[in-house]
């Protein structure tokens, strides 16, 4: 059973949120936000930002971005704090009317506030979250003005890079590479990278661009045609980026998907293309696989089913799940690129999530009224079948199928050993609570909680080992195992030696007791004889009869009445 660390009533006003490395827990309140941490989860910092609705940490938890739908008013903040605490008001006249704030987590200092981007006609641009996206080094952060520009800022100065925004006509989305990559030849750190895409406009094709920061040098571009939409998916290693492109057919009556996969970890960034005949509606990289395996959810009809007011679909859509992996050129592979491993047809899956440590994946039908299935797969289970057929996809095996009625959320724990599925009252009111599963799909615990809202695993800090060190450890795992087996054997021998010693001690005590009793009996006998006691004499040469009765079962019957 789980161990309760601490619990408090009215700890938060709306919800809670963990920082990326699990160092802080955020609670949201009307006056602002509080950060809690330490062994006893004491309050570490208070952020004054009234009516805060969103918060986002930088990757290494050095900065915190907060958003409030209510523009900042220093007068209103003074009034809310009261006369005795007005000195805690972090805002000045320069912050009036702004909605986004960036704070230094270690000191609690307000670094800078920002107004929401405006359209040319003076109306606010549609708000998206996160407002700012951080580079992995935290040296830069950026936000997009939809359809017109990207603004890149430097930290800790919070100043605009090169004192100007970068004009990108029609920009729809952007994303940072999640890692600072190393040059394969020199080992030196490469510039950080940012990718964005723009739609077709007139005779100009849609375009995906990978750009270096801070130089803004274009690393790679790819033109695309007949584009309906696109999504950017970086592999956690930063060495691959998939652009999931929804395209029109020639008749423009239906759509299909192309996966444009940029090998950003290689020189000149080659691009592989995976062409589908239907539409991919979900994509997920396996986090820790050397062959950059991924899974996609695809269907003939990408139109989402109708939903109720809480976003619960009224019916399920037939979908397929496919697995792909990158194949290097070799004796059996003439052309390197991505190959289909396996397709699981005729599912109702709406979400797929890999374990944080790879290999295991859960296919879930969530937020749907009619079905609520869970399927737990092991992508490397049947290696014998994969070796026999020569297709790695044959190793993908179903471990367990299960159901969780009214499921709305699914989360892996950071170790990859457990999965929690939950039914939140934010989505529906019946049968709220959560179920804990192991990675094989065995139900470990079911907890029903009335008005249950949220379940969050605490993140773990990133490993201090490099990927190369991890590979070396996995390669030499047998030698480590042998050393641990020897330790276990020594401990077992020590336990056996202790047990034998105890047995010898008990036998010695028993023999000592028998000797003492025998000596005492002999002494008492000699004394009795000296006092004239005569011992009974056994009769000699007398015949006697011993009668022994033996019973033998000849036959046995059972009768039922």
Protein backbone atom coordinates (compact mmCIF):
# COMPACT_ATOMS: atom_id res chain seq x y z
CA UNK A 1 0.00 0.00 0.00
CA UNK A 2 1.04 3.59 -0.63
CA UNK A 3 2.55 5.48 2.29
CA UNK A 4 0.88 8.78 3.18
CA UNK A 5 3.50 11.53 3.53
CA UNK A 6 1.24 14.45 4.34
CA UNK A 7 -2.32 15.65 3.76
CA UNK A 8 -4.08 18.98 4.33
CA UNK A 9 -7.58 20.29 3.92
CA UNK A 10 -8.07 23.22 1.54
CA UNK A 11 -4.47 22.92 0.37
CA UNK A 12 -5.29 24.34 -3.07
CA UNK A 13 -8.05 26.41 -4.59
CA UNK A 14 -8.39 24.62 -7.92
CA UNK A 15 -5.67 22.07 -8.77
CA UNK A 16 -2.04 21.08 -8.18
CA UNK A 17 0.95 20.83 -10.51
CA UNK A 18 4.48 19.38 -10.25
CA UNK A 19 7.62 21.05 -11.54
CA UNK A 20 9.49 19.12 -14.30
CA UNK A 21 12.05 17.56 -11.94
CA UNK A 22 9.65 17.08 -9.03
CA UNK A 23 11.37 19.64 -6.77
CA UNK A 24 8.23 21.74 -6.26
CA UNK A 25 4.50 21.26 -6.01
CA UNK A 26 2.33 24.22 -7.06
CA UNK A 27 -1.03 25.05 -5.54
CA UNK A 28 -3.33 27.61 -7.15
CA UNK A 29 -5.21 30.25 -5.15
CA UNK A 30 -7.12 33.46 -5.77
CA UNK A 31 -4.17 35.73 -4.76
CA UNK A 32 -1.64 33.70 -6.74
CA UNK A 33 0.43 30.56 -6.50
CA UNK A 34 2.40 28.78 -3.74
CA UNK A 35 5.40 26.47 -4.13
CA UNK A 36 5.87 23.61 -1.66
CA UNK A 37 8.79 21.24 -1.21
CA UNK A 38 11.19 19.48 1.11
CA UNK A 39 10.62 16.28 3.12
CA UNK A 40 7.56 17.73 4.85
CA UNK A 41 6.30 19.81 1.91
CA UNK A 42 6.61 23.18 3.57
CA UNK A 43 5.78 26.40 1.75
CA UNK A 44 8.93 27.62 0.01
CA UNK A 45 7.65 30.59 -1.97
CA UNK A 46 4.56 32.64 -2.65
CA UNK A 47 3.86 34.17 -6.07
CA UNK A 48 1.49 37.12 -6.05
CA UNK A 49 -0.44 37.06 -9.32
CA UNK A 50 -4.22 37.35 -8.77
CA UNK A 51 -6.59 34.92 -10.51
CA UNK A 52 -3.75 32.83 -11.90
CA UNK A 53 -4.97 30.03 -14.18
CA UNK A 54 -1.80 28.58 -15.76
CA UNK A 55 1.80 28.04 -14.73
CA UNK A 56 4.78 26.54 -16.57
CA UNK A 57 8.35 25.89 -15.39
CA UNK A 58 11.47 26.10 -17.50
CA UNK A 59 13.14 22.68 -18.09
CA UNK A 60 15.59 22.97 -15.17
CA UNK A 61 13.11 24.75 -12.87
CA UNK A 62 15.05 28.02 -12.82
CA UNK A 63 12.12 30.11 -14.09
CA UNK A 64 8.35 30.04 -13.69
CA UNK A 65 5.87 31.51 -16.17
CA UNK A 66 2.38 32.40 -14.88
CA UNK A 67 -0.74 33.55 -16.70
CA UNK A 68 -3.88 35.28 -15.48
CA UNK A 69 -6.94 36.13 -17.51
CA UNK A 70 -7.23 39.30 -15.40
CA UNK A 71 -4.74 42.01 -16.53
CA UNK A 72 -2.45 43.27 -13.76
CA UNK A 73 -3.66 46.26 -11.74
CA UNK A 74 -1.29 47.44 -9.01
CA UNK A 75 -4.15 49.16 -7.21
CA UNK A 76 -6.25 45.98 -7.21
CA UNK A 77 -3.28 43.94 -5.93
CA UNK A 78 -2.68 46.44 -3.08
CA UNK A 79 -6.33 46.22 -2.12
CA UNK A 80 -6.29 42.42 -2.17
CA UNK A 81 -3.12 42.21 -0.04
CA UNK A 82 -4.32 44.72 2.51
CA UNK A 83 -2.47 47.62 4.12
CA UNK A 84 -0.15 45.38 6.16
CA UNK A 85 1.10 43.36 3.18
CA UNK A 86 1.19 45.92 0.38
CA UNK A 87 4.98 45.76 0.48
CA UNK A 88 4.68 42.27 -1.04
CA UNK A 89 3.17 43.68 -4.23
CA UNK A 90 5.81 42.84 -6.90
CA UNK A 91 4.25 44.98 -9.64
CA UNK A 92 4.96 48.53 -10.75
CA UNK A 93 3.34 50.90 -13.22
CA UNK A 94 5.31 49.20 -16.03
CA UNK A 95 3.38 45.97 -15.39
CA UNK A 96 -0.09 47.54 -15.68
CA UNK A 97 -2.36 45.66 -18.09
CA UNK A 98 0.01 42.70 -18.54
CA UNK A 99 -1.16 39.11 -18.13
CA UNK A 100 2.00 36.96 -18.32
CA UNK A 101 4.81 37.02 -15.72
CA UNK A 102 8.20 35.30 -15.50
CA UNK A 103 9.64 34.67 -12.04
CA UNK A 104 12.99 33.48 -10.71
CA UNK A 105 12.11 30.33 -8.77
CA UNK A 106 15.07 30.46 -6.40
CA UNK A 107 14.59 34.07 -5.30
CA UNK A 108 10.90 34.67 -6.04
CA UNK A 109 11.82 37.80 -8.01
CA UNK A 110 9.61 39.02 -10.84
CA UNK A 111 11.93 39.03 -13.86
CA UNK A 112 9.53 40.59 -16.37
CA UNK A 113 5.86 40.80 -17.29
CA UNK A 114 4.37 40.68 -20.77
CA UNK A 115 1.18 41.84 -22.41
CA UNK A 116 -0.73 39.47 -24.65
CA UNK A 117 0.05 39.75 -28.38
CA UNK A 118 -2.34 41.95 -30.34
CA UNK A 119 -3.76 41.69 -33.84
CA UNK A 120 -3.33 44.55 -36.30
CA UNK A 121 -6.83 45.80 -35.43
CA UNK A 122 -5.89 46.02 -31.73
CA UNK A 123 -7.79 42.95 -30.55
CA UNK A 124 -5.96 40.32 -28.44
CA UNK A 125 -4.61 37.31 -30.30
CA UNK A 126 -6.28 34.05 -29.34
CA UNK A 127 -4.50 32.86 -26.20
CA UNK A 128 -2.59 29.57 -26.35
CA UNK A 129 -0.66 27.81 -23.61
CA UNK A 130 2.17 27.68 -22.96
CA UNK A 131 2.66 31.33 -23.83
CA UNK A 132 6.44 30.84 -23.89
CA UNK A 133 8.45 27.78 -24.89
CA UNK A 134 11.93 27.29 -23.43
CA UNK A 135 15.09 26.03 -25.05
CA UNK A 136 16.65 23.04 -23.21
CA UNK A 137 19.53 25.16 -21.87
CA UNK A 138 17.10 27.84 -20.55
CA UNK A 139 19.23 30.48 -22.31
CA UNK A 140 16.33 31.34 -24.64
CA UNK A 141 12.56 31.35 -24.58
CA UNK A 142 10.18 32.27 -27.36
CA UNK A 143 6.56 32.87 -28.20
CA UNK A 144 4.67 33.08 -31.44
CA UNK A 145 2.32 35.73 -32.72
CA UNK A 146 0.04 33.52 -34.75
CA UNK A 147 0.41 34.11 -38.47
CA UNK A 148 3.10 36.80 -38.31
CA UNK A 149 6.25 36.35 -36.16
CA UNK A 150 8.37 34.59 -33.53
CA UNK A 151 9.83 36.58 -30.65
CA UNK A 152 12.94 35.00 -29.08
CA UNK A 153 14.15 36.34 -25.71
CA UNK A 154 17.37 35.79 -23.80
CA UNK A 155 17.63 34.77 -20.15
CA UNK A 156 18.36 36.05 -17.58
CA UNK A 157 18.25 39.51 -19.21
CA UNK A 158 14.72 38.87 -20.55
CA UNK A 159 15.65 41.05 -23.54
CA UNK A 160 14.51 40.41 -27.11
CA UNK A 161 17.21 38.60 -29.11
CA UNK A 162 18.86 41.08 -31.50
CA UNK A 163 16.24 43.59 -30.28
CA UNK A 164 13.70 42.47 -32.88
CA UNK A 165 11.18 39.75 -33.56
CA UNK A 166 11.60 37.46 -36.55
CA UNK A 167 8.93 37.96 -39.19
CA UNK A 168 7.51 34.63 -40.39
CA UNK A 169 4.43 35.13 -42.54
CA UNK A 170 1.65 32.67 -41.77
CA UNK A 171 3.46 30.80 -38.96
CA UNK A 172 1.19 28.22 -37.34
CA UNK A 173 3.34 26.47 -34.72
CA UNK A 174 6.92 26.12 -33.49
CA UNK A 175 8.86 23.88 -31.12
CA UNK A 176 12.35 23.74 -29.60
CA UNK A 177 14.63 20.74 -29.98
CA UNK A 178 14.48 19.14 -26.47
CA UNK A 179 18.23 18.54 -26.19
CA UNK A 180 21.46 20.40 -26.95
CA UNK A 181 23.09 18.05 -29.47
CA UNK A 182 26.81 17.39 -29.87
CA UNK A 183 28.79 17.58 -33.08
CA UNK A 184 29.47 13.98 -34.15
CA UNK A 185 33.00 14.83 -35.29
CA UNK A 186 34.29 17.23 -32.64
CA UNK A 187 32.02 16.44 -29.67
CA UNK A 188 31.37 20.17 -29.18
CA UNK A 189 27.87 21.40 -28.35
CA UNK A 190 25.89 22.43 -31.40
CA UNK A 191 23.67 25.53 -31.47
CA UNK A 192 20.18 25.03 -30.13
CA UNK A 193 17.49 24.41 -32.74
CA UNK A 194 13.95 25.57 -33.26
CA UNK A 195 11.47 24.23 -35.83
CA UNK A 196 8.34 25.87 -37.23
CA UNK A 197 5.93 25.44 -40.11
CA UNK A 198 3.99 27.77 -42.37
CA UNK A 199 0.97 26.92 -44.58
CA UNK A 200 0.53 27.36 -48.30
CA UNK A 201 -0.18 30.88 -49.46
CA UNK A 202 -0.93 31.63 -53.09
CA UNK A 203 1.71 29.91 -55.22
CA UNK A 204 4.03 29.40 -52.24
CA UNK A 205 4.10 25.86 -50.80
CA UNK A 206 3.79 25.02 -47.12
CA UNK A 207 7.18 24.80 -45.47
CA UNK A 208 8.88 23.23 -42.46
CA UNK A 209 11.99 25.04 -41.28
CA UNK A 210 14.66 24.02 -38.77
CA UNK A 211 16.64 27.02 -37.53
CA UNK A 212 19.71 27.45 -35.32
CA UNK A 213 19.57 29.84 -32.36
CA UNK A 214 20.92 32.45 -31.70
CA UNK A 215 22.31 32.82 -35.24
CA UNK A 216 18.87 32.25 -36.87
CA UNK A 217 20.67 30.31 -39.57
CA UNK A 218 18.40 27.91 -41.47
CA UNK A 219 19.60 24.34 -40.90
CA UNK A 220 17.02 22.57 -43.09
CA UNK A 221 13.78 23.30 -44.93
CA UNK A 222 11.23 21.07 -46.61
CA UNK A 223 8.47 22.21 -48.96
CA UNK A 224 5.07 20.55 -48.66
CA UNK A 225 2.01 20.64 -50.91
CA UNK A 226 -1.76 20.22 -50.45
CA UNK A 227 -1.36 20.67 -46.71
CA UNK A 228 -4.38 20.82 -44.41
CA UNK A 229 -2.46 20.92 -41.10
CA UNK A 230 0.81 19.81 -39.52
CA UNK A 231 2.08 18.83 -36.06
CA UNK A 232 5.67 18.81 -34.78
CA UNK A 233 6.86 15.83 -32.67
CA UNK A 234 10.44 15.85 -31.38
CA UNK A 235 12.02 12.62 -30.15
CA UNK A 236 13.18 13.11 -26.50
CA UNK A 237 16.80 12.67 -27.64
CA UNK A 238 16.43 15.60 -30.08
CA UNK A 239 17.95 13.50 -32.88
CA UNK A 240 14.69 12.96 -34.73
CA UNK A 241 11.70 15.17 -35.45
CA UNK A 242 8.50 13.94 -37.05
CA UNK A 243 6.19 16.36 -38.84
CA UNK A 244 2.74 14.77 -39.04
CA UNK A 245 1.30 16.35 -42.18
CA UNK A 246 -2.40 16.10 -42.95
CA UNK A 247 -2.79 16.44 -46.73
CA UNK A 248 -5.67 16.70 -49.17
CA UNK A 249 -6.18 14.17 -51.93
CA UNK A 250 -6.30 15.54 -55.47
CA UNK A 251 -10.09 15.78 -55.32
CA UNK A 252 -9.82 17.56 -51.93
CA UNK A 253 -12.75 15.44 -50.74
CA UNK A 254 -10.70 13.41 -48.28
CA UNK A 255 -7.40 13.59 -46.39
CA UNK A 256 -4.40 11.37 -45.73
CA UNK A 257 -1.18 11.69 -43.75
CA UNK A 258 2.50 11.89 -44.57
CA UNK A 259 5.12 11.57 -41.85
CA UNK A 260 8.13 13.75 -42.68
CA UNK A 261 10.91 12.60 -40.35
CA UNK A 262 13.93 14.92 -40.00
CA UNK A 263 17.13 13.23 -38.79
CA UNK A 264 18.34 16.29 -36.91
CA UNK A 265 21.17 14.39 -35.23
CA UNK A 266 22.89 13.77 -38.58
CA UNK A 267 24.84 16.02 -40.90
CA UNK A 268 22.73 17.89 -43.48
CA UNK A 269 19.54 16.62 -41.75
CA UNK A 270 18.21 14.02 -44.21
CA UNK A 271 14.43 13.56 -44.31
CA UNK A 272 12.58 10.25 -44.47
CA UNK A 273 8.98 10.09 -45.68
CA UNK A 274 6.37 7.59 -44.49
CA UNK A 275 3.27 7.70 -46.67
CA UNK A 276 -0.05 6.54 -45.26
CA UNK A 277 -3.28 5.86 -47.11
CA UNK A 278 -5.43 7.19 -44.26
CA UNK A 279 -5.15 9.88 -41.57
CA UNK A 280 -2.90 9.63 -38.49
CA UNK A 281 -4.68 11.23 -35.55
CA UNK A 282 -2.08 10.49 -32.84
CA UNK A 283 1.69 9.95 -32.73
CA UNK A 284 4.03 8.89 -29.93
CA UNK A 285 7.80 8.24 -29.94
CA UNK A 286 9.20 5.39 -27.88
CA UNK A 287 11.48 7.39 -25.53
CA UNK A 288 14.50 5.11 -25.15
CA UNK A 289 14.79 2.94 -28.26
CA UNK A 290 17.97 3.08 -30.36
CA UNK A 291 16.03 2.44 -33.57
CA UNK A 292 13.70 5.41 -32.93
CA UNK A 293 10.55 3.32 -32.87
CA UNK A 294 7.17 5.06 -32.81
CA UNK A 295 3.47 4.22 -32.81
CA UNK A 296 0.68 5.98 -34.68
CA UNK A 297 -3.07 5.91 -34.42
CA UNK A 298 -4.72 6.17 -37.84
CA UNK A 299 -8.22 5.97 -39.27
CA UNK A 300 -10.14 6.36 -42.52
CA UNK A 301 -12.35 9.04 -40.96
CA UNK A 302 -10.33 11.70 -39.07
CA UNK A 303 -13.47 13.68 -38.17
CA UNK A 304 -13.85 13.54 -34.36
CA UNK A 305 -17.16 12.09 -33.12
CA UNK A 306 -19.65 14.45 -31.44
CA UNK A 307 -18.95 15.20 -27.77
CA UNK A 308 -20.94 16.42 -24.80
CA UNK A 309 -20.26 19.61 -22.84
CA UNK A 310 -17.43 17.94 -20.90
CA UNK A 311 -15.61 16.66 -23.99
CA UNK A 312 -16.77 13.04 -23.70
CA UNK A 313 -17.34 11.42 -27.12
CA UNK A 314 -20.78 9.96 -27.67
CA UNK A 315 -19.46 7.09 -29.83
CA UNK A 316 -16.22 5.28 -30.66
CA UNK A 317 -14.45 5.42 -34.02
CA UNK A 318 -12.71 2.44 -35.61
CA UNK A 319 -8.97 3.00 -35.66
CA UNK A 320 -5.75 1.12 -36.44
CA UNK A 321 -2.45 1.21 -34.54
CA UNK A 322 0.84 0.82 -36.44
CA UNK A 323 4.45 0.55 -35.27
CA UNK A 324 7.45 1.77 -37.28
CA UNK A 325 11.20 1.65 -36.66
CA UNK A 326 14.29 3.06 -38.35
CA UNK A 327 16.45 0.51 -40.19
CA UNK A 328 20.11 1.19 -40.87
CA UNK A 329 21.66 0.11 -44.15
CA UNK A 330 23.25 -3.34 -43.94
CA UNK A 331 23.37 -6.82 -45.41
CA UNK A 332 19.62 -7.32 -45.10
CA UNK A 333 18.64 -3.66 -45.57
CA UNK A 334 19.50 -2.16 -48.93
CA UNK A 335 18.04 1.28 -48.24
CA UNK A 336 17.93 2.77 -44.78
CA UNK A 337 14.79 4.45 -43.59
CA UNK A 338 11.60 3.73 -41.70
CA UNK A 339 9.85 0.37 -42.08
CA UNK A 340 6.45 -0.81 -40.90
CA UNK A 341 6.78 -3.36 -38.09
CA UNK A 342 3.19 -4.28 -37.36
CA UNK A 343 -0.40 -3.02 -37.67
CA UNK A 344 -3.13 -3.77 -35.12
CA UNK A 345 -6.43 -3.34 -37.03
CA UNK A 346 -10.02 -2.68 -35.98
CA UNK A 347 -9.40 -0.99 -32.64
CA UNK A 348 -11.38 1.73 -30.88
CA UNK A 349 -8.21 3.24 -29.42
CA UNK A 350 -8.22 7.00 -28.80
CA UNK A 351 -4.87 7.36 -27.01
CA UNK A 352 -1.51 5.58 -26.99
CA UNK A 353 1.28 6.11 -24.45
CA UNK A 354 4.72 4.52 -24.25
CA UNK A 355 6.34 3.73 -20.94
CA UNK A 356 8.96 6.37 -19.96
CA UNK A 357 11.55 3.60 -20.31
CA UNK A 358 10.22 2.28 -23.59
CA UNK A 359 9.28 -1.25 -24.68
CA UNK A 360 5.81 -1.23 -23.09
CA UNK A 361 2.85 0.72 -24.46
CA UNK A 362 -0.79 1.12 -23.43
CA UNK A 363 -3.56 1.55 -26.00
CA UNK A 364 -6.58 3.17 -24.34
CA UNK A 365 -10.10 4.12 -25.34
CA UNK A 366 -10.69 7.20 -23.20
CA UNK A 367 -13.36 9.85 -22.80
CA UNK A 368 -15.89 7.79 -24.69
CA UNK A 369 -19.38 6.88 -23.51
CA UNK A 370 -19.65 3.49 -25.23
CA UNK A 371 -16.25 1.81 -24.68
CA UNK A 372 -13.47 2.00 -22.09
CA UNK A 373 -10.84 -0.60 -23.03
CA UNK A 374 -7.16 -0.82 -22.10
CA UNK A 375 -4.59 -2.97 -23.90
CA UNK A 376 -1.09 -3.50 -22.53
CA UNK A 377 1.54 -4.43 -25.15
CA UNK A 378 5.19 -5.47 -24.92
CA UNK A 379 7.03 -4.45 -28.09
CA UNK A 380 9.95 -6.85 -27.44
CA UNK A 381 8.13 -9.81 -25.87
CA UNK A 382 8.37 -12.62 -28.45
CA UNK A 383 11.94 -12.36 -29.69
CA UNK A 384 11.87 -16.00 -30.81
CA UNK A 385 9.09 -15.30 -33.31
CA UNK A 386 10.84 -12.12 -34.49
CA UNK A 387 14.12 -13.97 -35.04
CA UNK A 388 12.40 -16.81 -36.85
CA UNK A 389 10.49 -14.54 -39.24
CA UNK A 390 13.15 -11.84 -39.58
CA UNK A 391 10.52 -9.17 -38.77
CA UNK A 392 11.04 -7.32 -35.45
CA UNK A 393 7.33 -6.50 -35.45
CA UNK A 394 6.46 -10.11 -34.64
CA UNK A 395 7.87 -9.52 -31.15
CA UNK A 396 5.04 -7.10 -30.38
CA UNK A 397 2.61 -9.01 -28.17
CA UNK A 398 -0.54 -8.30 -26.18
CA UNK A 399 0.04 -8.89 -22.47
CA UNK A 400 -3.38 -8.07 -21.06
CA UNK A 401 -6.73 -6.49 -21.88
CA UNK A 402 -8.80 -4.67 -19.26
CA UNK A 403 -11.48 -2.06 -18.79
CA UNK A 404 -11.93 1.07 -16.71
CA UNK A 405 -15.41 2.48 -16.93
CA UNK A 406 -15.54 6.25 -17.56
CA UNK A 407 -11.73 6.54 -17.88
CA UNK A 408 -10.62 10.10 -18.65
CA UNK A 409 -6.85 10.11 -17.95
CA UNK A 410 -3.89 7.73 -18.18
CA UNK A 411 -0.42 8.32 -16.72
CA UNK A 412 2.74 6.19 -16.50
CA UNK A 413 4.84 6.57 -13.39
CA UNK A 414 8.43 7.76 -13.99
CA UNK A 415 9.91 4.30 -13.35
CA UNK A 416 7.77 2.68 -16.06
CA UNK A 417 6.57 0.01 -13.60
CA UNK A 418 3.07 1.30 -12.97
CA UNK A 419 0.18 2.91 -14.81
CA UNK A 420 -2.72 4.85 -13.30
CA UNK A 421 -6.02 5.32 -15.08
CA UNK A 422 -8.47 7.75 -13.56
CA UNK A 423 -12.01 9.03 -13.94
CA UNK A 424 -12.11 12.73 -13.12
CA UNK A 425 -15.13 14.70 -11.96
CA UNK A 426 -13.94 17.49 -14.26
CA UNK A 427 -15.07 15.30 -17.16
CA UNK A 428 -17.94 13.27 -15.71
CA UNK A 429 -19.57 12.76 -12.31
CA UNK A 430 -20.17 9.00 -12.07
CA UNK A 431 -17.70 6.37 -10.78
CA UNK A 432 -14.87 8.80 -10.08
CA UNK A 433 -11.56 7.51 -8.74
CA UNK A 434 -8.47 5.73 -10.03
CA UNK A 435 -7.03 2.27 -10.71
CA UNK A 436 -3.37 1.30 -10.30
CA UNK A 437 -1.96 -1.25 -12.77
CA UNK A 438 1.47 -2.74 -13.24
CA UNK A 439 3.16 -2.55 -16.64
CA UNK A 440 1.83 -6.03 -17.53
CA UNK A 441 -1.78 -4.92 -17.11
CA UNK A 442 -2.47 -6.59 -13.75
CA UNK A 443 -4.80 -4.53 -11.55
CA UNK A 444 -3.11 -3.79 -8.23
CA UNK A 445 -5.51 -1.40 -6.55
CA UNK A 446 -8.83 0.30 -7.22
CA UNK A 447 -9.85 3.39 -5.26
CA UNK A 448 -13.29 4.98 -5.61
CA UNK A 449 -13.34 8.63 -4.45
CA UNK A 450 -16.39 10.82 -4.62
CA UNK A 451 -15.75 14.04 -6.53
CA UNK A 452 -12.23 12.88 -7.44
CA UNK A 453 -10.42 15.46 -9.61
CA UNK A 454 -6.76 14.77 -10.28
CA UNK A 455 -3.95 12.20 -10.01
CA UNK A 456 -0.31 13.19 -10.69
CA UNK A 457 2.90 11.18 -10.38
CA UNK A 458 5.81 13.12 -8.93
CA UNK A 459 8.49 13.47 -11.66
CA UNK A 460 11.99 12.16 -11.05
CA UNK A 461 15.14 14.19 -11.73
CA UNK A 462 16.98 13.31 -14.91
CA UNK A 463 19.69 10.69 -14.67
CA UNK A 464 23.24 11.93 -14.12
CA UNK A 465 24.48 9.26 -16.54
CA UNK A 466 24.96 10.03 -20.21
CA UNK A 467 23.33 7.90 -22.90
CA UNK A 468 26.72 6.37 -23.68
CA UNK A 469 27.19 5.39 -20.01
CA UNK A 470 23.69 3.87 -19.95
CA UNK A 471 24.46 1.83 -23.08
CA UNK A 472 27.71 0.61 -21.51
CA UNK A 473 25.88 -0.46 -18.36
CA UNK A 474 23.24 -2.33 -20.37
CA UNK A 475 26.01 -3.99 -22.41
CA UNK A 476 27.91 -5.08 -19.28
CA UNK A 477 24.79 -5.96 -17.31
CA UNK A 478 25.73 -9.66 -17.12
CA UNK A 479 29.05 -8.87 -15.46
CA UNK A 480 27.26 -6.65 -12.94
CA UNK A 481 24.69 -9.39 -12.39
CA UNK A 482 27.48 -11.92 -11.79
CA UNK A 483 28.99 -9.69 -9.11
CA UNK A 484 25.62 -9.26 -7.42
CA UNK A 485 24.99 -13.02 -7.63
CA UNK A 486 28.30 -13.62 -5.84
CA UNK A 487 27.29 -11.19 -3.12
CA UNK A 488 23.95 -12.94 -2.76
CA UNK A 489 25.70 -16.33 -2.57
CA UNK A 490 28.07 -15.11 0.14
CA UNK A 491 25.13 -13.78 2.14
CA UNK A 492 23.33 -17.11 1.68
CA UNK A 493 26.42 -19.03 2.85
CA UNK A 494 26.70 -16.70 5.83
CA UNK A 495 23.06 -17.40 6.68
CA UNK A 496 23.66 -21.17 6.28
CA UNK A 497 26.77 -21.00 8.49
CA UNK A 498 24.80 -19.18 11.17
CA UNK A 499 22.03 -21.80 11.00
CA UNK A 500 24.57 -24.69 11.28
CA UNK A 501 26.25 -22.99 14.22
CA UNK A 502 22.92 -22.68 15.98
CA UNK A 503 22.13 -26.35 15.35
CA UNK A 504 25.54 -27.46 16.70
CA UNK A 505 24.96 -25.35 19.82
CA UNK A 506 21.55 -26.98 20.40
CA UNK A 507 22.97 -30.51 19.93
CA UNK A 508 25.81 -29.71 22.32
CA UNK A 509 23.36 -28.42 24.93
CA UNK A 510 21.24 -31.58 24.50
CA UNK A 511 24.24 -33.92 24.94
CA UNK A 512 25.43 -31.97 27.98
CA UNK A 513 21.97 -32.30 29.52
CA UNK A 514 21.84 -36.05 28.84
CA UNK A 515 25.27 -36.54 30.44
CA UNK A 516 24.19 -34.58 33.53
CA UNK A 517 20.95 -36.59 33.83
CA UNK A 518 22.81 -39.91 33.42
CA UNK A 519 25.33 -38.95 36.14
CA UNK A 520 22.51 -37.85 38.45
CA UNK A 521 20.63 -41.15 37.89
CA UNK A 522 23.76 -43.22 38.59
CA UNK A 523 24.44 -41.31 41.81
CA UNK A 524 20.88 -41.75 43.05
CA UNK A 525 20.98 -45.50 42.20
CA UNK A 526 24.23 -46.01 44.16
CA UNK A 527 22.76 -44.19 47.16
CA UNK A 528 19.59 -46.29 47.03
CA UNK A 529 21.58 -49.54 46.93
CA UNK A 530 23.69 -48.37 49.88
CA UNK A 531 20.48 -47.82 51.85
CA UNK A 532 19.38 -51.42 51.21
CA UNK A 533 17.10 -50.93 48.20
CA UNK A 534 16.99 -54.00 45.97
CA UNK A 535 16.60 -53.68 42.23
CA UNK A 536 13.89 -55.81 40.54
CA UNK A 537 15.30 -59.03 39.02
CA UNK A 538 14.13 -59.91 35.52
CA UNK A 539 12.71 -63.41 35.07
CA UNK A 540 15.04 -65.69 33.12
CA UNK A 541 14.14 -68.54 30.74
CA UNK A 542 10.37 -68.10 31.17
CA UNK A 543 8.15 -68.81 28.17
CA UNK A 544 5.55 -66.21 27.26
CA UNK A 545 3.08 -65.75 24.43
CA UNK A 546 2.75 -62.60 22.38
CA UNK A 547 -0.59 -62.26 20.60
CA UNK A 548 -0.82 -59.90 17.63
CA UNK A 549 -4.07 -59.06 15.86
CA UNK A 550 -3.83 -58.02 12.20
CA UNK A 551 -6.83 -56.62 10.33
CA UNK A 552 -6.90 -56.81 6.53
CA UNK A 553 -9.51 -55.21 4.30
CA UNK A 554 -10.71 -57.76 1.75
CA UNK A 555 -13.36 -55.73 -0.05
CA UNK A 556 -14.75 -52.21 0.23
CA UNK A 557 -18.01 -50.86 -1.19
CA UNK A 558 -19.63 -47.42 -1.10
CA UNK A 559 -23.41 -47.08 -1.29
CA UNK A 560 -25.20 -43.78 -1.71
CA UNK A 561 -28.70 -43.49 -0.29
